[in-house]
C-alpha atoms as a PDB file:
ATOM      1  CA  MET A   1       0.027  26.942   0.685  1.00  0.00           C
ATOM      2  CA  ILE A   2      -0.169  29.952  -1.561  1.00  0.00           C
ATOM      3  CA  THR A   3       0.402  30.257  -5.287  1.00  0.00           C
ATOM      4  CA  VAL A   4       1.773  33.341  -6.996  1.00  0.00           C
ATOM      5  CA  ALA A   5       1.429  33.939 -10.730  1.00  0.00           C
ATOM      6  CA  ASP A   6       3.859  36.681 -11.729  1.00  0.00           C
ATOM      7  CA  TYR A   7       3.156  38.358 -15.082  1.00  0.00           C
ATOM      8  CA  SER A   8       5.356  41.402 -14.396  1.00  0.00           C
ATOM      9  CA  SER A   9       7.769  40.305 -17.154  1.00  0.00           C
ATOM     10  CA  ARG A  10       4.951  39.950 -19.699  1.00  0.00           C
ATOM     11  CA  SER A  11       3.458  36.658 -20.692  1.00  0.00           C
ATOM     12  CA  GLU A  12       6.641  35.284 -22.288  1.00  0.00           C
ATOM     13  CA  ALA A  13       8.501  35.120 -18.972  1.00  0.00           C
ATOM     14  CA  TYR A  14       5.773  34.645 -16.402  1.00  0.00           C
ATOM     15  CA  THR A  15       6.331  32.492 -13.324  1.00  0.00           C
ATOM     16  CA  TYR A  16       3.894  30.376 -11.371  1.00  0.00           C
ATOM     17  CA  ASN A  17       5.352  29.532  -7.967  1.00  0.00           C
ATOM     18  CA  TYR A  18       4.090  27.602  -4.952  1.00  0.00           C
ATOM     19  CA  PHE A  19       4.914  28.470  -1.360  1.00  0.00           C
ATOM     20  CA  GLU A  20       4.183  25.522   0.927  1.00  0.00           C
ATOM     21  CA  ASP A  21       4.069  25.087   4.713  1.00  0.00           C
ATOM     22  CA  VAL A  22       3.481  28.791   5.247  1.00  0.00           C
ATOM     23  CA  THR A  23       2.582  30.367   8.554  1.00  0.00           C
ATOM     24  CA  PRO A  24       0.591  33.601   8.807  1.00  0.00           C
ATOM     25  CA  LYS A  25       3.806  35.445   9.631  1.00  0.00           C
ATOM     26  CA  ARG A  26       5.584  33.924   6.627  1.00  0.00           C
ATOM     27  CA  VAL A  27       2.693  34.863   4.287  1.00  0.00           C
ATOM     28  CA  VAL A  28       3.090  38.513   5.314  1.00  0.00           C
ATOM     29  CA  GLU A  29       6.847  38.287   4.727  1.00  0.00           C
ATOM     30  CA  ILE A  30       6.333  36.761   1.258  1.00  0.00           C
ATOM     31  CA  VAL A  31       3.808  39.440   0.293  1.00  0.00           C
ATOM     32  CA  GLU A  32       6.166  42.180   1.500  1.00  0.00           C
ATOM     33  CA  MET A  33       9.028  40.658  -0.510  1.00  0.00           C
ATOM     34  CA  LEU A  34       6.826  40.576  -3.611  1.00  0.00           C
ATOM     35  CA  ARG A  35       5.859  44.228  -3.076  1.00  0.00           C
ATOM     36  CA  ARG A  36       9.556  45.138  -2.979  1.00  0.00           C
ATOM     37  CA  GLU A  37       9.959  43.077  -6.180  1.00  0.00           C
ATOM     38  CA  ASP A  38      12.253  40.622  -4.412  1.00  0.00           C
ATOM     39  CA  LYS A  39      12.106  36.940  -5.298  1.00  0.00           C
ATOM     40  CA  PRO A  40      11.144  34.902  -2.219  1.00  0.00           C
ATOM     41  CA  PRO A  41      12.378  31.299  -2.184  1.00  0.00           C
ATOM     42  CA  ARG A  42       9.695  29.060  -3.642  1.00  0.00           C
ATOM     43  CA  GLY A  43       8.700  25.664  -2.288  1.00  0.00           C
ATOM     44  CA  THR A  44       8.482  24.785   1.361  1.00  0.00           C
ATOM     45  CA  GLN A  45       8.892  27.601   3.846  1.00  0.00           C
ATOM     46  CA  ASN A  46       9.648  25.240   6.720  1.00  0.00           C
ATOM     47  CA  PRO A  47      13.387  24.574   7.101  1.00  0.00           C
ATOM     48  CA  MET A  48      12.611  21.165   8.664  1.00  0.00           C
ATOM     49  CA  HIS A  49      11.023  19.920   5.419  1.00  0.00           C
ATOM     50  CA  LEU A  50      12.704  18.884   2.197  1.00  0.00           C
ATOM     51  CA  ASN A  51      10.399  19.999  -0.624  1.00  0.00           C
ATOM     52  CA  CYS A  52       6.992  18.689   0.436  1.00  0.00           C
ATOM     53  CA  GLY A  53       8.337  15.692   2.369  1.00  0.00           C
ATOM     54  CA  PRO A  54       7.426  14.999   5.989  1.00  0.00           C
ATOM     55  CA  LYS A  55       9.145  16.645   8.924  1.00  0.00           C
ATOM     56  CA  GLY A  56      12.144  14.531   9.889  1.00  0.00           C
ATOM     57  CA  GLY A  57      12.527  12.878   6.477  1.00  0.00           C
ATOM     58  CA  ASN A  58      10.891   9.917   4.820  1.00  0.00           C
ATOM     59  CA  THR A  59       9.791   7.050   7.038  1.00  0.00           C
ATOM     60  CA  THR A  60       7.854   4.908   4.572  1.00  0.00           C
ATOM     61  CA  LEU A  61       9.104   1.340   4.055  1.00  0.00           C
ATOM     62  CA  LEU A  62      11.935   1.615   6.563  1.00  0.00           C
ATOM     63  CA  VAL A  63      10.487  -1.318   8.523  1.00  0.00           C
ATOM     64  CA  LEU A  64       8.764  -4.353   7.021  1.00  0.00           C
ATOM     65  CA  ASP A  65       5.377  -4.593   8.674  1.00  0.00           C
ATOM     66  CA  VAL A  66       3.963  -8.044   9.429  1.00  0.00           C
ATOM     67  CA  ALA A  67       0.699  -7.012   7.775  1.00  0.00           C
ATOM     68  CA  CYS A  68       2.545  -6.410   4.490  1.00  0.00           C
ATOM     69  CA  VAL A  69       3.405 -10.102   4.395  1.00  0.00           C
ATOM     70  CA  TRP A  70       0.309 -11.780   5.837  1.00  0.00           C
ATOM     71  CA  VAL A  71      -2.515  -9.618   4.453  1.00  0.00           C
ATOM     72  CA  PRO A  72      -1.933 -10.752   0.837  1.00  0.00           C
ATOM     73  CA  VAL A  73      -1.756 -14.385   1.923  1.00  0.00           C
ATOM     74  CA  PHE A  74      -4.964 -14.280   3.966  1.00  0.00           C
ATOM     75  CA  THR A  75      -6.745 -12.202   1.336  1.00  0.00           C
ATOM     76  CA  SER A  76      -5.881 -14.596  -1.465  1.00  0.00           C
ATOM     77  CA  VAL A  77      -6.871 -17.650   0.605  1.00  0.00           C
ATOM     78  CA  PHE A  78     -10.125 -15.956   1.586  1.00  0.00           C
ATOM     79  CA  VAL A  79     -10.934 -15.114  -2.043  1.00  0.00           C
ATOM     80  CA  VAL A  80     -10.210 -18.678  -3.175  1.00  0.00           C
ATOM     81  CA  ILE A  81     -12.396 -20.182  -0.447  1.00  0.00           C
ATOM     82  CA  LEU A  82     -15.187 -17.672  -0.927  1.00  0.00           C
ATOM     83  CA  VAL A  83     -15.393 -18.077  -4.683  1.00  0.00           C
ATOM     84  CA  TRP A  84     -14.809 -21.820  -4.606  1.00  0.00           C
ATOM     85  CA  LEU A  85     -17.588 -22.331  -2.053  1.00  0.00           C
ATOM     86  CA  GLY A  86     -19.799 -20.047  -4.096  1.00  0.00           C
ATOM     87  CA  GLY A  87     -20.490 -23.085  -6.243  1.00  0.00           C
ATOM     88  CA  GLY A  88     -20.726 -21.594  -9.683  1.00  0.00           C
ATOM     89  CA  HIS A  89     -22.257 -18.247  -8.799  1.00  0.00           C
ATOM     90  CA  PHE A  90     -19.127 -16.637 -10.151  1.00  0.00           C
ATOM     91  CA  LYS A  91     -18.245 -17.759 -13.659  1.00  0.00           C
ATOM     92  CA  ASP A  92     -16.255 -15.922 -16.266  1.00  0.00           C
ATOM     93  CA  GLU A  93     -16.772 -16.871 -19.915  1.00  0.00           C
ATOM     94  CA  GLY A  94     -17.328 -20.549 -19.168  1.00  0.00           C
ATOM     95  CA  ARG A  95     -14.263 -21.067 -16.994  1.00  0.00           C
ATOM     96  CA  SER A  96     -14.674 -22.960 -13.762  1.00  0.00           C
ATOM     97  CA  THR A  97     -15.103 -21.177 -10.467  1.00  0.00           C
ATOM     98  CA  PHE A  98     -11.823 -22.538  -9.130  1.00  0.00           C
ATOM     99  CA  VAL A  99      -9.818 -21.261 -12.114  1.00  0.00           C
ATOM    100  CA  VAL A 100     -11.338 -17.799 -11.760  1.00  0.00           C
ATOM    101  CA  ALA A 101     -10.718 -17.844  -7.992  1.00  0.00           C
ATOM    102  CA  ARG A 102      -7.107 -18.859  -8.519  1.00  0.00           C
ATOM    103  CA  GLN A 103      -6.593 -16.019 -10.998  1.00  0.00           C
ATOM    104  CA  ILE A 104      -8.179 -13.513  -8.605  1.00  0.00           C
ATOM    105  CA  SER A 105      -6.012 -14.714  -5.727  1.00  0.00           C
ATOM    106  CA  TRP A 106      -2.835 -14.354  -7.799  1.00  0.00           C
ATOM    107  CA  CYS A 107      -3.900 -10.870  -8.852  1.00  0.00           C
ATOM    108  CA  VAL A 108      -4.368  -9.956  -5.185  1.00  0.00           C
ATOM    109  CA  VAL A 109      -0.978 -11.400  -4.208  1.00  0.00           C
ATOM    110  CA  ILE A 110       0.820  -9.711  -7.106  1.00  0.00           C
ATOM    111  CA  SER A 111      -0.859  -6.373  -6.410  1.00  0.00           C
ATOM    112  CA  TYR A 112       0.214  -6.492  -2.767  1.00  0.00           C
ATOM    113  CA  LEU A 113       3.755  -7.397  -3.731  1.00  0.00           C
ATOM    114  CA  LEU A 114       4.097  -4.714  -6.406  1.00  0.00           C
ATOM    115  CA  VAL A 115       2.335  -1.815  -4.711  1.00  0.00           C
ATOM    116  CA  PRO A 116       4.420  -0.440  -1.829  1.00  0.00           C
ATOM    117  CA  GLY A 117       2.827   0.518   1.441  1.00  0.00           C
END
């Protein structure tokens, strides 16, 4: 990636453009276009990409992974058991260990459900 700050039109109309996915050959072409005072297309220089997305398009969350379902369940159960068996080593402002463990487990489950990927 290269960045070009163009102050040729004074500071009121400057541009600050990114050129992504450049190859050595494309960098030379961009520099030559700038020398000729042409405006090279900003953004990705790879025709297979859309903006900065992956080659071939987006693939995230197209398939529901088994881990997305079971990891929150096992994590919350593990936290409840771990804190509950801790026997009072983990207390929060006088609340019982089980109440704190239950709140932690729900926070883990909710975070896994709300945060994609």
